[in-house]
N, C-alpha and C. Protein backbone atom coordinates (compact mmCIF):
# COMPACT_ATOMS: atom_id res chain seq x y z
N UNK A 1 -6.36 22.10 2.57
CA UNK A 1 -6.15 22.48 3.95
C UNK A 1 -5.42 21.34 4.66
N UNK A 2 -4.45 21.68 5.46
CA UNK A 2 -3.70 20.70 6.23
C UNK A 2 -4.12 20.77 7.68
N UNK A 3 -4.11 19.64 8.33
CA UNK A 3 -4.48 19.58 9.73
C UNK A 3 -3.45 18.76 10.49
N UNK A 4 -2.92 19.34 11.54
CA UNK A 4 -2.02 18.63 12.44
C UNK A 4 -2.76 18.46 13.75
N UNK A 5 -2.69 17.28 14.34
CA UNK A 5 -3.47 17.00 15.54
C UNK A 5 -2.56 16.56 16.69
N UNK A 6 -2.98 16.87 17.92
CA UNK A 6 -2.22 16.37 19.07
C UNK A 6 -2.59 14.91 19.35
N UNK A 7 -1.60 14.12 19.65
CA UNK A 7 -1.83 12.71 19.99
C UNK A 7 -0.84 12.31 21.07
N UNK A 8 -1.25 11.38 21.93
CA UNK A 8 -0.41 10.92 23.03
C UNK A 8 0.44 9.74 22.58
N UNK A 9 1.73 9.80 22.90
CA UNK A 9 2.65 8.71 22.57
C UNK A 9 2.35 7.53 23.50
N UNK A 10 1.96 6.40 22.91
CA UNK A 10 1.59 5.22 23.68
C UNK A 10 2.73 4.21 23.77
N UNK A 11 3.61 4.22 22.76
CA UNK A 11 4.66 3.20 22.71
C UNK A 11 5.81 3.72 21.84
N UNK A 12 7.03 3.49 22.28
CA UNK A 12 8.20 3.83 21.47
C UNK A 12 8.66 2.59 20.72
N UNK A 13 9.01 2.75 19.47
CA UNK A 13 9.46 1.66 18.62
C UNK A 13 10.89 1.94 18.16
N UNK A 14 11.49 0.97 17.48
CA UNK A 14 12.82 1.15 16.91
C UNK A 14 12.77 2.14 15.74
N UNK A 15 13.94 2.60 15.33
CA UNK A 15 14.10 3.43 14.13
C UNK A 15 13.32 4.75 14.20
N UNK A 16 13.38 5.43 15.35
CA UNK A 16 12.71 6.73 15.50
C UNK A 16 11.22 6.67 15.19
N UNK A 17 10.57 5.62 15.60
CA UNK A 17 9.14 5.47 15.40
C UNK A 17 8.44 5.34 16.74
N UNK A 18 7.14 5.59 16.71
CA UNK A 18 6.32 5.45 17.91
C UNK A 18 4.90 5.12 17.50
N UNK A 19 4.14 4.65 18.46
CA UNK A 19 2.71 4.46 18.28
C UNK A 19 2.03 5.55 19.10
N UNK A 20 1.16 6.32 18.44
CA UNK A 20 0.38 7.33 19.15
C UNK A 20 -1.07 6.87 19.21
N UNK A 21 -1.79 7.45 20.16
CA UNK A 21 -3.19 7.08 20.35
C UNK A 21 -4.02 8.33 20.45
N UNK A 22 -5.14 8.31 19.75
CA UNK A 22 -6.09 9.42 19.80
C UNK A 22 -7.49 8.85 19.64
N UNK A 23 -8.28 9.00 20.67
CA UNK A 23 -9.66 8.53 20.61
C UNK A 23 -9.78 7.04 20.38
N UNK A 24 -8.85 6.27 20.93
CA UNK A 24 -8.89 4.82 20.77
C UNK A 24 -8.24 4.30 19.50
N UNK A 25 -7.83 5.20 18.62
CA UNK A 25 -7.16 4.81 17.38
C UNK A 25 -5.66 4.90 17.61
N UNK A 26 -4.96 3.83 17.24
CA UNK A 26 -3.50 3.78 17.38
C UNK A 26 -2.88 3.83 15.99
N UNK A 27 -1.81 4.61 15.87
CA UNK A 27 -1.16 4.80 14.57
C UNK A 27 0.34 4.89 14.77
N UNK A 28 1.08 4.23 13.89
CA UNK A 28 2.54 4.34 13.93
C UNK A 28 2.96 5.61 13.21
N UNK A 29 3.86 6.36 13.85
CA UNK A 29 4.35 7.61 13.29
C UNK A 29 5.87 7.66 13.39
N UNK A 30 6.46 8.64 12.73
CA UNK A 30 7.90 8.86 12.80
C UNK A 30 8.21 9.94 13.82
N UNK A 31 9.26 9.69 14.62
CA UNK A 31 9.78 10.69 15.56
C UNK A 31 11.09 11.28 15.06
N UNK A 32 11.41 11.09 13.80
CA UNK A 32 12.71 11.49 13.25
C UNK A 32 12.98 12.99 13.40
N UNK A 33 11.93 13.80 13.52
CA UNK A 33 12.12 15.25 13.60
C UNK A 33 12.26 15.76 15.04
N UNK A 34 12.10 14.86 16.02
CA UNK A 34 12.15 15.26 17.43
C UNK A 34 13.14 14.40 18.21
N UNK A 35 13.68 14.98 19.28
CA UNK A 35 14.53 14.25 20.20
C UNK A 35 13.88 14.18 21.57
N UNK A 36 14.14 13.12 22.29
CA UNK A 36 13.75 13.03 23.69
C UNK A 36 12.29 12.79 23.97
N UNK A 37 11.55 12.30 23.01
CA UNK A 37 10.13 12.00 23.24
C UNK A 37 10.02 10.74 24.09
N UNK A 38 9.12 10.77 25.07
CA UNK A 38 8.89 9.61 25.94
C UNK A 38 7.41 9.24 25.92
N UNK A 39 7.12 8.02 26.33
CA UNK A 39 5.74 7.56 26.43
C UNK A 39 4.99 8.51 27.34
N UNK A 40 3.80 8.91 26.90
CA UNK A 40 2.96 9.84 27.66
C UNK A 40 3.03 11.26 27.15
N UNK A 41 4.08 11.59 26.39
CA UNK A 41 4.17 12.92 25.79
C UNK A 41 3.06 13.10 24.76
N UNK A 42 2.64 14.35 24.59
CA UNK A 42 1.76 14.70 23.48
C UNK A 42 2.61 15.32 22.39
N UNK A 43 2.33 14.93 21.15
CA UNK A 43 3.03 15.47 20.01
C UNK A 43 2.01 15.93 18.97
N UNK A 44 2.42 16.92 18.18
CA UNK A 44 1.60 17.35 17.06
C UNK A 44 1.98 16.46 15.88
N UNK A 45 0.98 15.79 15.28
CA UNK A 45 1.21 14.83 14.20
C UNK A 45 0.62 15.36 12.91
N UNK A 46 1.43 15.32 11.86
CA UNK A 46 0.98 15.71 10.53
C UNK A 46 1.61 14.76 9.51
N UNK A 47 0.79 14.13 8.73
CA UNK A 47 1.21 13.22 7.66
C UNK A 47 2.19 12.16 8.18
N UNK A 48 1.90 11.64 9.37
CA UNK A 48 2.71 10.54 9.90
C UNK A 48 3.99 10.94 10.60
N UNK A 49 4.22 12.23 10.78
CA UNK A 49 5.42 12.72 11.47
C UNK A 49 5.04 13.55 12.69
N UNK A 50 5.74 13.33 13.79
CA UNK A 50 5.61 14.19 14.96
C UNK A 50 6.41 15.45 14.67
N UNK A 51 5.75 16.59 14.71
CA UNK A 51 6.41 17.85 14.37
C UNK A 51 6.91 18.60 15.59
N UNK A 52 6.23 18.43 16.72
CA UNK A 52 6.56 19.20 17.90
C UNK A 52 5.98 18.51 19.12
N UNK A 53 6.63 18.67 20.25
CA UNK A 53 6.09 18.19 21.52
C UNK A 53 5.11 19.26 22.01
N UNK A 54 4.05 18.83 22.71
CA UNK A 54 3.00 19.74 23.15
C UNK A 54 2.74 19.55 24.63
N UNK A 55 2.59 20.65 25.34
CA UNK A 55 2.25 20.63 26.75
C UNK A 55 0.91 19.91 26.94
N UNK A 56 0.77 19.04 27.95
CA UNK A 56 -0.49 18.30 28.14
C UNK A 56 -1.72 19.21 28.29
N UNK A 57 -1.56 20.35 28.94
CA UNK A 57 -2.69 21.28 29.09
C UNK A 57 -3.10 21.86 27.74
N UNK A 58 -2.12 22.21 26.93
CA UNK A 58 -2.42 22.74 25.59
C UNK A 58 -3.08 21.66 24.73
N UNK A 59 -2.60 20.42 24.84
CA UNK A 59 -3.21 19.32 24.10
C UNK A 59 -4.67 19.15 24.50
N UNK A 60 -4.94 19.21 25.81
CA UNK A 60 -6.32 19.07 26.30
C UNK A 60 -7.21 20.18 25.76
N UNK A 61 -6.71 21.40 25.72
CA UNK A 61 -7.50 22.52 25.18
C UNK A 61 -7.81 22.31 23.70
N UNK A 62 -6.81 21.88 22.95
CA UNK A 62 -7.01 21.65 21.52
C UNK A 62 -8.00 20.53 21.27
N UNK A 63 -7.86 19.43 22.01
CA UNK A 63 -8.79 18.31 21.85
C UNK A 63 -10.20 18.70 22.25
N UNK A 64 -10.34 19.57 23.26
CA UNK A 64 -11.66 20.07 23.65
C UNK A 64 -12.28 20.90 22.53
N UNK A 65 -11.47 21.73 21.89
CA UNK A 65 -11.98 22.52 20.76
C UNK A 65 -12.44 21.61 19.62
N UNK A 66 -11.68 20.55 19.34
CA UNK A 66 -12.11 19.59 18.33
C UNK A 66 -13.46 19.00 18.69
N UNK A 67 -13.64 18.64 19.97
CA UNK A 67 -14.91 18.05 20.42
C UNK A 67 -16.06 19.05 20.24
N UNK A 68 -15.80 20.32 20.52
CA UNK A 68 -16.83 21.33 20.41
C UNK A 68 -17.30 21.54 18.97
N UNK A 69 -16.44 21.32 18.00
CA UNK A 69 -16.87 21.48 16.61
C UNK A 69 -17.32 20.16 15.99
N UNK A 70 -17.42 19.13 16.83
CA UNK A 70 -17.97 17.87 16.37
C UNK A 70 -16.97 16.83 15.92
N UNK A 71 -15.70 17.08 16.10
CA UNK A 71 -14.67 16.09 15.78
C UNK A 71 -14.33 15.33 17.04
N UNK A 72 -15.02 14.23 17.27
CA UNK A 72 -14.83 13.46 18.49
C UNK A 72 -13.46 12.79 18.49
N UNK A 73 -12.75 12.94 19.62
CA UNK A 73 -11.43 12.32 19.74
C UNK A 73 -11.41 11.27 20.82
N UNK A 74 -12.50 11.04 21.48
CA UNK A 74 -12.52 10.05 22.54
C UNK A 74 -13.74 9.19 22.42
């Protein structure tokens, strides 16, 4: 089973990379598949790649569902 999670872009780096943050954990990911991502955007992350930009309200709903099933993100 594969899982893609929403994460907030905390920092933009060189070479189409960024640092995302989820629940206090920071991870470097690739933005090579997306254009125009800015700090504060939410992106769907899978295997170290941002696959899609996500509306903040939709990200909040998804993170709430994760919390409800016991996957704490904060």
